[in-house]
Amino acid sequence: MNSKVLQTLEKGYIRFDWSEYIHRVNLHTEHLITIVEMINNFKANRGAKELIIFRFQGIPAYVMIEKMDYPLILEWIKTEFIQRECYENCKMVVDLINYFKSKKNVRLKRNS
């Protein structure tokens, strides 16, 4: 979901950065594929500055990813696919990484 939609649906929500919470949850391969498909769907949408990856159950807290961080999460997902031996899913991820490397205003490395 685009975060602009969230702002109209719910007031007073809590926003978490993906890089802090992605390692704390158990994401199945289907969840990772869904994240890749969401990024693919919103890659050309200039109005979508960030995407909601998931919502915590029972509280209005959402884990989001900024558009400039798409290559970072895609690299992380590619590593997860390789560890899980889901090589058939890597092509779309690699294609998206290459797409974003050709664009401006993206992070290719995380600032420490």
PDB file of N, CA and C in Angstrom:
ATOM      1  N   MET A   1       0.843  -1.171   0.000  1.00  0.00           N
ATOM      2  CA  MET A   1       0.000   0.000   0.000  1.00  0.00           C
ATOM      3  C   MET A   1       0.889   1.235   0.000  1.00  0.00           C
ATOM      4  N   ASN A   2       0.454   2.218  -0.708  1.00  0.00           N
ATOM      5  CA  ASN A   2       1.120   3.505  -0.750  1.00  0.00           C
ATOM      6  C   ASN A   2       0.838   4.238   0.564  1.00  0.00           C
ATOM      7  N   SER A   3       1.820   4.908   1.128  1.00  0.00           N
ATOM      8  CA  SER A   3       1.624   5.583   2.417  1.00  0.00           C
ATOM      9  C   SER A   3       0.666   6.763   2.319  1.00  0.00           C
ATOM     10  N   LYS A   4       0.467   7.324   1.131  1.00  0.00           N
ATOM     11  CA  LYS A   4      -0.509   8.408   0.979  1.00  0.00           C
ATOM     12  C   LYS A   4      -1.926   7.912   1.272  1.00  0.00           C
ATOM     13  N   VAL A   5      -2.214   6.691   0.862  1.00  0.00           N
ATOM     14  CA  VAL A   5      -3.514   6.096   1.137  1.00  0.00           C
ATOM     15  C   VAL A   5      -3.691   5.903   2.635  1.00  0.00           C
ATOM     16  N   LEU A   6      -2.638   5.462   3.305  1.00  0.00           N
ATOM     17  CA  LEU A   6      -2.687   5.254   4.748  1.00  0.00           C
ATOM     18  C   LEU A   6      -3.014   6.550   5.486  1.00  0.00           C
ATOM     19  N   GLN A   7      -2.446   7.653   5.047  1.00  0.00           N
ATOM     20  CA  GLN A   7      -2.684   8.932   5.716  1.00  0.00           C
ATOM     21  C   GLN A   7      -4.154   9.324   5.672  1.00  0.00           C
ATOM     22  N   THR A   8      -4.858   8.939   4.625  1.00  0.00           N
ATOM     23  CA  THR A   8      -6.277   9.261   4.553  1.00  0.00           C
ATOM     24  C   THR A   8      -7.125   8.272   5.340  1.00  0.00           C
ATOM     25  N   LEU A   9      -6.633   7.041   5.514  1.00  0.00           N
ATOM     26  CA  LEU A   9      -7.403   6.015   6.218  1.00  0.00           C
ATOM     27  C   LEU A   9      -7.235   6.039   7.724  1.00  0.00           C
ATOM     28  N   GLU A  10      -6.036   6.336   8.176  1.00  0.00           N
ATOM     29  CA  GLU A  10      -5.749   6.198   9.605  1.00  0.00           C
ATOM     30  C   GLU A  10      -4.876   7.352  10.093  1.00  0.00           C
ATOM     31  N   LYS A  11      -5.342   8.014  11.111  1.00  0.00           N
ATOM     32  CA  LYS A  11      -4.580   9.115  11.716  1.00  0.00           C
ATOM     33  C   LYS A  11      -3.855   8.593  12.954  1.00  0.00           C
ATOM     34  N   GLY A  12      -2.700   9.121  13.223  1.00  0.00           N
ATOM     35  CA  GLY A  12      -1.962   8.768  14.433  1.00  0.00           C
ATOM     36  C   GLY A  12      -1.305   7.412  14.384  1.00  0.00           C
ATOM     37  N   TYR A  13      -0.866   6.989  13.233  1.00  0.00           N
ATOM     38  CA  TYR A  13      -0.186   5.700  13.142  1.00  0.00           C
ATOM     39  C   TYR A  13       1.303   5.858  13.447  1.00  0.00           C
ATOM     40  N   ILE A  14       1.951   4.744  13.747  1.00  0.00           N
ATOM     41  CA  ILE A  14       3.382   4.727  14.053  1.00  0.00           C
ATOM     42  C   ILE A  14       4.108   4.174  12.834  1.00  0.00           C
ATOM     43  N   ARG A  15       5.168   4.848  12.453  1.00  0.00           N
ATOM     44  CA  ARG A  15       5.938   4.465  11.268  1.00  0.00           C
ATOM     45  C   ARG A  15       7.293   3.908  11.705  1.00  0.00           C
ATOM     46  N   PHE A  16       7.631   2.715  11.221  1.00  0.00           N
ATOM     47  CA  PHE A  16       8.917   2.102  11.497  1.00  0.00           C
ATOM     48  C   PHE A  16       9.683   1.928  10.197  1.00  0.00           C
ATOM     49  N   ASP A  17      11.009   2.078  10.287  1.00  0.00           N
ATOM     50  CA  ASP A  17      11.865   1.889   9.121  1.00  0.00           C
ATOM     51  C   ASP A  17      12.092   0.397   8.889  1.00  0.00           C
ATOM     52  N   TRP A  18      12.061  -0.012   7.653  1.00  0.00           N
ATOM     53  CA  TRP A  18      12.176  -1.432   7.302  1.00  0.00           C
ATOM     54  C   TRP A  18      13.479  -2.052   7.792  1.00  0.00           C
ATOM     55  N   SER A  19      14.579  -1.296   7.735  1.00  0.00           N
ATOM     56  CA  SER A  19      15.888  -1.876   8.050  1.00  0.00           C
ATOM     57  C   SER A  19      16.028  -2.262   9.517  1.00  0.00           C
ATOM     58  N   GLU A  20      15.223  -1.663  10.387  1.00  0.00           N
ATOM     59  CA  GLU A  20      15.277  -1.989  11.806  1.00  0.00           C
ATOM     60  C   GLU A  20      14.411  -3.195  12.163  1.00  0.00           C
ATOM     61  N   TYR A  21      13.376  -3.462  11.387  1.00  0.00           N
ATOM     62  CA  TYR A  21      12.404  -4.476  11.775  1.00  0.00           C
ATOM     63  C   TYR A  21      12.354  -5.698  10.865  1.00  0.00           C
ATOM     64  N   ILE A  22      12.981  -5.632   9.700  1.00  0.00           N
ATOM     65  CA  ILE A  22      12.892  -6.746   8.757  1.00  0.00           C
ATOM     66  C   ILE A  22      13.550  -8.009   9.309  1.00  0.00           C
ATOM     67  N   HIS A  23      14.563  -7.847  10.166  1.00  0.00           N
ATOM     68  CA  HIS A  23      15.273  -9.001  10.724  1.00  0.00           C
ATOM     69  C   HIS A  23      14.544  -9.591  11.935  1.00  0.00           C
ATOM     70  N   ARG A  24      13.581  -8.872  12.471  1.00  0.00           N
ATOM     71  CA  ARG A  24      12.881  -9.314  13.684  1.00  0.00           C
ATOM     72  C   ARG A  24      11.652 -10.159  13.406  1.00  0.00           C
ATOM     73  N   VAL A  25      11.230 -10.198  12.165  1.00  0.00           N
ATOM     74  CA  VAL A  25      10.023 -10.954  11.827  1.00  0.00           C
ATOM     75  C   VAL A  25      10.392 -12.135  10.944  1.00  0.00           C
ATOM     76  N   ASN A  26       9.576 -13.145  10.999  1.00  0.00           N
ATOM     77  CA  ASN A  26       9.793 -14.338  10.190  1.00  0.00           C
ATOM     78  C   ASN A  26       8.988 -14.199   8.907  1.00  0.00           C
ATOM     79  N   LEU A  27       9.655 -13.785   7.838  1.00  0.00           N
ATOM     80  CA  LEU A  27       8.989 -13.622   6.550  1.00  0.00           C
ATOM     81  C   LEU A  27       9.154 -14.891   5.727  1.00  0.00           C
ATOM     82  N   HIS A  28       8.035 -15.434   5.292  1.00  0.00           N
ATOM     83  CA  HIS A  28       8.067 -16.610   4.432  1.00  0.00           C
ATOM     84  C   HIS A  28       8.410 -16.174   3.012  1.00  0.00           C
ATOM     85  N   THR A  29       8.760 -17.128   2.188  1.00  0.00           N
ATOM     86  CA  THR A  29       9.109 -16.835   0.801  1.00  0.00           C
ATOM     87  C   THR A  29       7.976 -16.118   0.082  1.00  0.00           C
ATOM     88  N   GLU A  30       6.739 -16.484   0.368  1.00  0.00           N
ATOM     89  CA  GLU A  30       5.587 -15.828  -0.261  1.00  0.00           C
ATOM     90  C   GLU A  30       5.536 -14.347   0.107  1.00  0.00           C
ATOM     91  N   HIS A  31       5.895 -14.018   1.350  1.00  0.00           N
ATOM     92  CA  HIS A  31       5.919 -12.616   1.774  1.00  0.00           C
ATOM     93  C   HIS A  31       6.989 -11.840   1.015  1.00  0.00           C
ATOM     94  N   LEU A  32       8.139 -12.457   0.839  1.00  0.00           N
ATOM     95  CA  LEU A  32       9.220 -11.794   0.108  1.00  0.00           C
ATOM     96  C   LEU A  32       8.825 -11.564  -1.345  1.00  0.00           C
ATOM     97  N   ILE A  33       8.175 -12.542  -1.945  1.00  0.00           N
ATOM     98  CA  ILE A  33       7.708 -12.389  -3.326  1.00  0.00           C
ATOM     99  C   ILE A  33       6.703 -11.252  -3.412  1.00  0.00           C
ATOM    100  N   THR A  34       5.819 -11.149  -2.431  1.00  0.00           N
ATOM    101  CA  THR A  34       4.836 -10.065  -2.414  1.00  0.00           C
ATOM    102  C   THR A  34       5.512  -8.708  -2.333  1.00  0.00           C
ATOM    103  N   ILE A  35       6.556  -8.585  -1.511  1.00  0.00           N
ATOM    104  CA  ILE A  35       7.287  -7.318  -1.402  1.00  0.00           C
ATOM    105  C   ILE A  35       7.934  -6.959  -2.736  1.00  0.00           C
ATOM    106  N   VAL A  36       8.529  -7.951  -3.395  1.00  0.00           N
ATOM    107  CA  VAL A  36       9.143  -7.710  -4.707  1.00  0.00           C
ATOM    108  C   VAL A  36       8.085  -7.256  -5.715  1.00  0.00           C
ATOM    109  N   GLU A  37       6.938  -7.906  -5.711  1.00  0.00           N
ATOM    110  CA  GLU A  37       5.869  -7.530  -6.636  1.00  0.00           C
ATOM    111  C   GLU A  37       5.335  -6.132  -6.336  1.00  0.00           C
ATOM    112  N   MET A  38       5.241  -5.772  -5.058  1.00  0.00           N
ATOM    113  CA  MET A  38       4.806  -4.413  -4.702  1.00  0.00           C
ATOM    114  C   MET A  38       5.791  -3.379  -5.234  1.00  0.00           C
ATOM    115  N   ILE A  39       7.071  -3.631  -5.047  1.00  0.00           N
ATOM    116  CA  ILE A  39       8.094  -2.704  -5.540  1.00  0.00           C
ATOM    117  C   ILE A  39       8.023  -2.617  -7.056  1.00  0.00           C
ATOM    118  N   ASN A  40       7.827  -3.735  -7.722  1.00  0.00           N
ATOM    119  CA  ASN A  40       7.705  -3.738  -9.174  1.00  0.00           C
ATOM    120  C   ASN A  40       6.495  -2.923  -9.631  1.00  0.00           C
ATOM    121  N   ASN A  41       5.387  -3.044  -8.924  1.00  0.00           N
ATOM    122  CA  ASN A  41       4.171  -2.305  -9.289  1.00  0.00           C
ATOM    123  C   ASN A  41       4.310  -0.804  -9.062  1.00  0.00           C
ATOM    124  N   PHE A  42       5.040  -0.412  -8.031  1.00  0.00           N
ATOM    125  CA  PHE A  42       5.136   1.004  -7.678  1.00  0.00           C
ATOM    126  C   PHE A  42       6.436   1.662  -8.147  1.00  0.00           C
ATOM    127  N   LYS A  43       7.285   0.951  -8.873  1.00  0.00           N
ATOM    128  CA  LYS A  43       8.589   1.499  -9.244  1.00  0.00           C
ATOM    129  C   LYS A  43       8.488   2.765 -10.079  1.00  0.00           C
ATOM    130  N   ALA A  44       7.496   2.874 -10.922  1.00  0.00           N
ATOM    131  CA  ALA A  44       7.368   4.046 -11.796  1.00  0.00           C
ATOM    132  C   ALA A  44       6.380   5.075 -11.258  1.00  0.00           C
ATOM    133  N   ASN A  45       5.760   4.804 -10.133  1.00  0.00           N
ATOM    134  CA  ASN A  45       4.774   5.722  -9.554  1.00  0.00           C
ATOM    135  C   ASN A  45       5.500   6.835  -8.813  1.00  0.00           C
ATOM    136  N   ARG A  46       5.527   8.007  -9.388  1.00  0.00           N
ATOM    137  CA  ARG A  46       6.251   9.127  -8.786  1.00  0.00           C
ATOM    138  C   ARG A  46       5.583   9.635  -7.504  1.00  0.00           C
ATOM    139  N   GLY A  47       4.304   9.408  -7.361  1.00  0.00           N
ATOM    140  CA  GLY A  47       3.585   9.868  -6.177  1.00  0.00           C
ATOM    141  C   GLY A  47       3.831   9.017  -4.945  1.00  0.00           C
ATOM    142  N   ALA A  48       4.267   7.789  -5.160  1.00  0.00           N
ATOM    143  CA  ALA A  48       4.506   6.876  -4.036  1.00  0.00           C
ATOM    144  C   ALA A  48       5.929   7.076  -3.532  1.00  0.00           C
ATOM    145  N   LYS A  49       6.074   7.820  -2.458  1.00  0.00           N
ATOM    146  CA  LYS A  49       7.398   8.073  -1.884  1.00  0.00           C
ATOM    147  C   LYS A  49       7.863   6.930  -0.994  1.00  0.00           C
ATOM    148  N   GLU A  50       6.914   6.164  -0.454  1.00  0.00           N
ATOM    149  CA  GLU A  50       7.246   5.016   0.378  1.00  0.00           C
ATOM    150  C   GLU A  50       6.107   4.011   0.313  1.00  0.00           C
ATOM    151  N   LEU A  51       6.436   2.760   0.602  1.00  0.00           N
ATOM    152  CA  LEU A  51       5.463   1.675   0.598  1.00  0.00           C
ATOM    153  C   LEU A  51       5.362   1.055   1.978  1.00  0.00           C
ATOM    154  N   ILE A  52       4.184   0.581   2.291  1.00  0.00           N
ATOM    155  CA  ILE A  52       3.970  -0.153   3.537  1.00  0.00           C
ATOM    156  C   ILE A  52       4.252  -1.622   3.249  1.00  0.00           C
ATOM    157  N   ILE A  53       5.207  -2.170   3.978  1.00  0.00           N
ATOM    158  CA  ILE A  53       5.571  -3.575   3.780  1.00  0.00           C
ATOM    159  C   ILE A  53       4.649  -4.475   4.606  1.00  0.00           C
ATOM    160  N   PHE A  54       4.459  -4.134   5.875  1.00  0.00           N
ATOM    161  CA  PHE A  54       3.516  -4.879   6.697  1.00  0.00           C
ATOM    162  C   PHE A  54       3.071  -4.052   7.882  1.00  0.00           C
ATOM    163  N   ARG A  55       1.998  -4.546   8.518  1.00  0.00           N
ATOM    164  CA  ARG A  55       1.392  -3.874   9.674  1.00  0.00           C
ATOM    165  C   ARG A  55       1.494  -4.806  10.865  1.00  0.00           C
ATOM    166  N   PHE A  56       1.803  -4.233  12.021  1.00  0.00           N
ATOM    167  CA  PHE A  56       1.796  -5.023  13.251  1.00  0.00           C
ATOM    168  C   PHE A  56       0.350  -5.270  13.653  1.00  0.00           C
ATOM    169  N   GLN A  57       0.079  -6.476  14.092  1.00  0.00           N
ATOM    170  CA  GLN A  57      -1.272  -6.838  14.464  1.00  0.00           C
ATOM    171  C   GLN A  57      -1.705  -6.156  15.759  1.00  0.00           C
ATOM    172  N   GLY A  58      -2.899  -5.600  15.747  1.00  0.00           N
ATOM    173  CA  GLY A  58      -3.486  -5.048  16.960  1.00  0.00           C
ATOM    174  C   GLY A  58      -3.140  -3.606  17.274  1.00  0.00           C
ATOM    175  N   ILE A  59      -2.137  -3.046  16.626  1.00  0.00           N
ATOM    176  CA  ILE A  59      -1.779  -1.642  16.872  1.00  0.00           C
ATOM    177  C   ILE A  59      -1.584  -0.938  15.521  1.00  0.00           C
ATOM    178  N   PRO A  60      -1.777   0.365  15.492  1.00  0.00           N
ATOM    179  CA  PRO A  60      -1.601   1.091  14.222  1.00  0.00           C
ATOM    180  C   PRO A  60      -0.132   1.397  13.943  1.00  0.00           C
ATOM    181  N   ALA A  61       0.670   0.363  13.777  1.00  0.00           N
ATOM    182  CA  ALA A  61       2.103   0.516  13.511  1.00  0.00           C
ATOM    183  C   ALA A  61       2.431  -0.185  12.203  1.00  0.00           C
ATOM    184  N   TYR A  62       3.154   0.522  11.352  1.00  0.00           N
ATOM    185  CA  TYR A  62       3.448   0.033  10.015  1.00  0.00           C
ATOM    186  C   TYR A  62       4.945   0.082   9.746  1.00  0.00           C
ATOM    187  N   VAL A  63       5.442  -0.935   9.047  1.00  0.00           N
ATOM    188  CA  VAL A  63       6.834  -0.949   8.607  1.00  0.00           C
ATOM    189  C   VAL A  63       6.826  -0.493   7.151  1.00  0.00           C
ATOM    190  N   MET A  64       7.610   0.546   6.888  1.00  0.00           N
ATOM    191  CA  MET A  64       7.606   1.168   5.568  1.00  0.00           C
ATOM    192  C   MET A  64       8.997   1.201   4.970  1.00  0.00           C
ATOM    193  N   ILE A  65       9.024   1.324   3.657  1.00  0.00           N
ATOM    194  CA  ILE A  65      10.278   1.473   2.940  1.00  0.00           C
ATOM    195  C   ILE A  65      10.179   2.671   2.012  1.00  0.00           C
ATOM    196  N   GLU A  66      11.174   3.538   2.102  1.00  0.00           N
ATOM    197  CA  GLU A  66      11.230   4.699   1.222  1.00  0.00           C
ATOM    198  C   GLU A  66      11.661   4.251  -0.167  1.00  0.00           C
ATOM    199  N   LYS A  67      11.210   4.993  -1.165  1.00  0.00           N
ATOM    200  CA  LYS A  67      11.528   4.645  -2.549  1.00  0.00           C
ATOM    201  C   LYS A  67      13.036   4.587  -2.779  1.00  0.00           C
ATOM    202  N   MET A  68      13.768   5.469  -2.135  1.00  0.00           N
ATOM    203  CA  MET A  68      15.222   5.482  -2.344  1.00  0.00           C
ATOM    204  C   MET A  68      15.906   4.235  -1.778  1.00  0.00           C
ATOM    205  N   ASP A  69      15.212   3.497  -0.907  1.00  0.00           N
ATOM    206  CA  ASP A  69      15.780   2.281  -0.310  1.00  0.00           C
ATOM    207  C   ASP A  69      15.383   1.000  -1.047  1.00  0.00           C
ATOM    208  N   TYR A  70      14.640   1.098  -2.134  1.00  0.00           N
ATOM    209  CA  TYR A  70      14.227  -0.110  -2.861  1.00  0.00           C
ATOM    210  C   TYR A  70      15.411  -1.011  -3.218  1.00  0.00           C
ATOM    211  N   PRO A  71      16.528  -0.471  -3.756  1.00  0.00           N
ATOM    212  CA  PRO A  71      17.646  -1.371  -4.087  1.00  0.00           C
ATOM    213  C   PRO A  71      18.212  -2.092  -2.870  1.00  0.00           C
ATOM    214  N   LEU A  72      18.186  -1.439  -1.709  1.00  0.00           N
ATOM    215  CA  LEU A  72      18.726  -2.072  -0.496  1.00  0.00           C
ATOM    216  C   LEU A  72      17.890  -3.260  -0.059  1.00  0.00           C
ATOM    217  N   ILE A  73      16.587  -3.088  -0.039  1.00  0.00           N
ATOM    218  CA  ILE A  73      15.747  -4.213   0.377  1.00  0.00           C
ATOM    219  C   ILE A  73      15.751  -5.303  -0.680  1.00  0.00           C
ATOM    220  N   LEU A  74      15.879  -4.927  -1.940  1.00  0.00           N
ATOM    221  CA  LEU A  74      15.958  -5.935  -2.991  1.00  0.00           C
ATOM    222  C   LEU A  74      17.239  -6.767  -2.868  1.00  0.00           C
ATOM    223  N   GLU A  75      18.341  -6.132  -2.521  1.00  0.00           N
ATOM    224  CA  GLU A  75      19.588  -6.873  -2.283  1.00  0.00           C
ATOM    225  C   GLU A  75      19.418  -7.838  -1.109  1.00  0.00           C
ATOM    226  N   TRP A  76      18.759  -7.369  -0.046  1.00  0.00           N
ATOM    227  CA  TRP A  76      18.512  -8.216   1.114  1.00  0.00           C
ATOM    228  C   TRP A  76      17.621  -9.406   0.732  1.00  0.00           C
ATOM    229  N   ILE A  77      16.579  -9.139  -0.056  1.00  0.00           N
ATOM    230  CA  ILE A  77      15.669 -10.202  -0.486  1.00  0.00           C
ATOM    231  C   ILE A  77      16.401 -11.193  -1.385  1.00  0.00           C
ATOM    232  N   LYS A  78      17.263 -10.697  -2.269  1.00  0.00           N
ATOM    233  CA  LYS A  78      18.036 -11.595  -3.136  1.00  0.00           C
ATOM    234  C   LYS A  78      18.894 -12.542  -2.294  1.00  0.00           C
ATOM    235  N   THR A  79      19.526 -12.010  -1.266  1.00  0.00           N
ATOM    236  CA  THR A  79      20.329 -12.841  -0.369  1.00  0.00           C
ATOM    237  C   THR A  79      19.457 -13.890   0.321  1.00  0.00           C
ATOM    238  N   GLU A  80      18.274 -13.488   0.752  1.00  0.00           N
ATOM    239  CA  GLU A  80      17.341 -14.434   1.388  1.00  0.00           C
ATOM    240  C   GLU A  80      16.928 -15.529   0.412  1.00  0.00           C
ATOM    241  N   PHE A  81      16.626 -15.168  -0.829  1.00  0.00           N
ATOM    242  CA  PHE A  81      16.249 -16.165  -1.834  1.00  0.00           C
ATOM    243  C   PHE A  81      17.389 -17.153  -2.076  1.00  0.00           C
ATOM    244  N   ILE A  82      18.619 -16.661  -2.129  1.00  0.00           N
ATOM    245  CA  ILE A  82      19.762 -17.539  -2.354  1.00  0.00           C
ATOM    246  C   ILE A  82      19.951 -18.478  -1.169  1.00  0.00           C
ATOM    247  N   GLN A  83      19.814 -17.960   0.047  1.00  0.00           N
ATOM    248  CA  GLN A  83      19.944 -18.817   1.235  1.00  0.00           C
ATOM    249  C   GLN A  83      18.861 -19.884   1.284  1.00  0.00           C
ATOM    250  N   ARG A  84      17.676 -19.539   0.812  1.00  0.00           N
ATOM    251  CA  ARG A  84      16.553 -20.483   0.819  1.00  0.00           C
ATOM    252  C   ARG A  84      16.519 -21.351  -0.440  1.00  0.00           C
ATOM    253  N   GLU A  85      17.474 -21.138  -1.325  1.00  0.00           N
ATOM    254  CA  GLU A  85      17.581 -21.857  -2.585  1.00  0.00           C
ATOM    255  C   GLU A  85      16.347 -21.670  -3.467  1.00  0.00           C
ATOM    256  N   CYS A  86      15.827 -20.460  -3.480  1.00  0.00           N
ATOM    257  CA  CYS A  86      14.693 -20.090  -4.335  1.00  0.00           C
ATOM    258  C   CYS A  86      15.228 -19.302  -5.528  1.00  0.00           C
ATOM    259  N   TYR A  87      16.038 -19.961  -6.322  1.00  0.00           N
ATOM    260  CA  TYR A  87      16.745 -19.282  -7.404  1.00  0.00           C
ATOM    261  C   TYR A  87      15.807 -18.774  -8.491  1.00  0.00           C
ATOM    262  N   GLU A  88      14.660 -19.411  -8.656  1.00  0.00           N
ATOM    263  CA  GLU A  88      13.718 -18.994  -9.687  1.00  0.00           C
ATOM    264  C   GLU A  88      13.158 -17.589  -9.438  1.00  0.00           C
ATOM    265  N   ASN A  89      13.217 -17.132  -8.195  1.00  0.00           N
ATOM    266  CA  ASN A  89      12.708 -15.796  -7.849  1.00  0.00           C
ATOM    267  C   ASN A  89      13.763 -14.698  -7.982  1.00  0.00           C
ATOM    268  N   CYS A  90      15.001 -15.086  -8.171  1.00  0.00           N
ATOM    269  CA  CYS A  90      16.098 -14.108  -8.205  1.00  0.00           C
ATOM    270  C   CYS A  90      16.098 -13.247  -9.460  1.00  0.00           C
ATOM    271  N   LYS A  91      15.608 -13.765 -10.581  1.00  0.00           N
ATOM    272  CA  LYS A  91      15.674 -13.006 -11.832  1.00  0.00           C
ATOM    273  C   LYS A  91      14.927 -11.685 -11.730  1.00  0.00           C
ATOM    274  N   MET A  92      13.698 -11.725 -11.236  1.00  0.00           N
ATOM    275  CA  MET A  92      12.921 -10.486 -11.112  1.00  0.00           C
ATOM    276  C   MET A  92      13.619  -9.507 -10.178  1.00  0.00           C
ATOM    277  N   VAL A  93      14.187 -10.015  -9.100  1.00  0.00           N
ATOM    278  CA  VAL A  93      14.881  -9.161  -8.137  1.00  0.00           C
ATOM    279  C   VAL A  93      16.106  -8.510  -8.789  1.00  0.00           C
ATOM    280  N   VAL A  94      16.890  -9.295  -9.500  1.00  0.00           N
ATOM    281  CA  VAL A  94      18.079  -8.757 -10.165  1.00  0.00           C
ATOM    282  C   VAL A  94      17.687  -7.728 -11.224  1.00  0.00           C
ATOM    283  N   ASP A  95      16.621  -8.003 -11.979  1.00  0.00           N
ATOM    284  CA  ASP A  95      16.141  -7.043 -12.977  1.00  0.00           C
ATOM    285  C   ASP A  95      15.722  -5.729 -12.321  1.00  0.00           C
ATOM    286  N   LEU A  96      15.053  -5.809 -11.191  1.00  0.00           N
ATOM    287  CA  LEU A  96      14.639  -4.592 -10.478  1.00  0.00           C
ATOM    288  C   LEU A  96      15.849  -3.840  -9.922  1.00  0.00           C
ATOM    289  N   ILE A  97      16.818  -4.563  -9.390  1.00  0.00           N
ATOM    290  CA  ILE A  97      18.029  -3.913  -8.870  1.00  0.00           C
ATOM    291  C   ILE A  97      18.725  -3.150  -9.999  1.00  0.00           C
ATOM    292  N   ASN A  98      18.842  -3.780 -11.155  1.00  0.00           N
ATOM    293  CA  ASN A  98      19.469  -3.117 -12.297  1.00  0.00           C
ATOM    294  C   ASN A  98      18.663  -1.908 -12.763  1.00  0.00           C
ATOM    295  N   TYR A  99      17.337  -2.012 -12.700  1.00  0.00           N
ATOM    296  CA  TYR A  99      16.477  -0.887 -13.056  1.00  0.00           C
ATOM    297  C   TYR A  99      16.754   0.301 -12.132  1.00  0.00           C
ATOM    298  N   PHE A 100      16.835   0.041 -10.842  1.00  0.00           N
ATOM    299  CA  PHE A 100      17.042   1.134  -9.885  1.00  0.00           C
ATOM    300  C   PHE A 100      18.467   1.675  -9.907  1.00  0.00           C
ATOM    301  N   LYS A 101      19.436   0.842 -10.257  1.00  0.00           N
ATOM    302  CA  LYS A 101      20.813   1.330 -10.366  1.00  0.00           C
ATOM    303  C   LYS A 101      20.946   2.362 -11.478  1.00  0.00           C
ATOM    304  N   SER A 102      20.083   2.276 -12.473  1.00  0.00           N
ATOM    305  CA  SER A 102      20.134   3.233 -13.576  1.00  0.00           C
ATOM    306  C   SER A 102      19.406   4.536 -13.249  1.00  0.00           C
ATOM    307  N   LYS A 103      18.717   4.580 -12.137  1.00  0.00           N
ATOM    308  CA  LYS A 103      17.949   5.761 -11.727  1.00  0.00           C
ATOM    309  C   LYS A 103      18.739   6.603 -10.737  1.00  0.00           C
ATOM    310  N   LYS A 104      18.299   7.845 -10.586  1.00  0.00           N
ATOM    311  CA  LYS A 104      18.886   8.734  -9.583  1.00  0.00           C
ATOM    312  C   LYS A 104      18.049   8.653  -8.318  1.00  0.00           C
ATOM    313  N   ASN A 105      18.569   9.212  -7.250  1.00  0.00           N
ATOM    314  CA  ASN A 105      17.857   9.307  -5.969  1.00  0.00           C
ATOM    315  C   ASN A 105      17.534   7.948  -5.358  1.00  0.00           C
ATOM    316  N   VAL A 106      18.469   7.014  -5.466  1.00  0.00           N
ATOM    317  CA  VAL A 106      18.316   5.730  -4.766  1.00  0.00           C
ATOM    318  C   VAL A 106      19.579   5.478  -3.969  1.00  0.00           C
ATOM    319  N   ARG A 107      19.437   4.726  -2.888  1.00  0.00           N
ATOM    320  CA  ARG A 107      20.570   4.335  -2.059  1.00  0.00           C
ATOM    321  C   ARG A 107      21.023   2.953  -2.477  1.00  0.00           C
ATOM    322  N   LEU A 108      22.300   2.851  -2.757  1.00  0.00           N
ATOM    323  CA  LEU A 108      22.853   1.551  -3.086  1.00  0.00           C
ATOM    324  C   LEU A 108      23.549   0.916  -1.890  1.00  0.00           C
ATOM    325  N   LYS A 109      23.856   1.735  -0.883  1.00  0.00           N
ATOM    326  CA  LYS A 109      24.445   1.245   0.364  1.00  0.00           C
ATOM    327  C   LYS A 109      23.802   1.957   1.528  1.00  0.00           C
ATOM    328  N   ARG A 110      23.682   1.252   2.627  1.00  0.00           N
ATOM    329  CA  ARG A 110      23.060   1.801   3.822  1.00  0.00           C
ATOM    330  C   ARG A 110      24.064   2.688   4.557  1.00  0.00           C
ATOM    331  N   ASN A 111      23.636   3.878   4.967  1.00  0.00           N
ATOM    332  CA  ASN A 111      24.476   4.753   5.773  1.00  0.00           C
ATOM    333  C   ASN A 111      24.534   4.231   7.194  1.00  0.00           C
ATOM    334  N   SER A 112      25.712   4.156   7.755  1.00  0.00           N
ATOM    335  CA  SER A 112      25.854   3.625   9.123  1.00  0.00           C
ATOM    336  C   SER A 112      25.726   4.708  10.157  1.00  0.00           C
TER     337      SER A 112
END
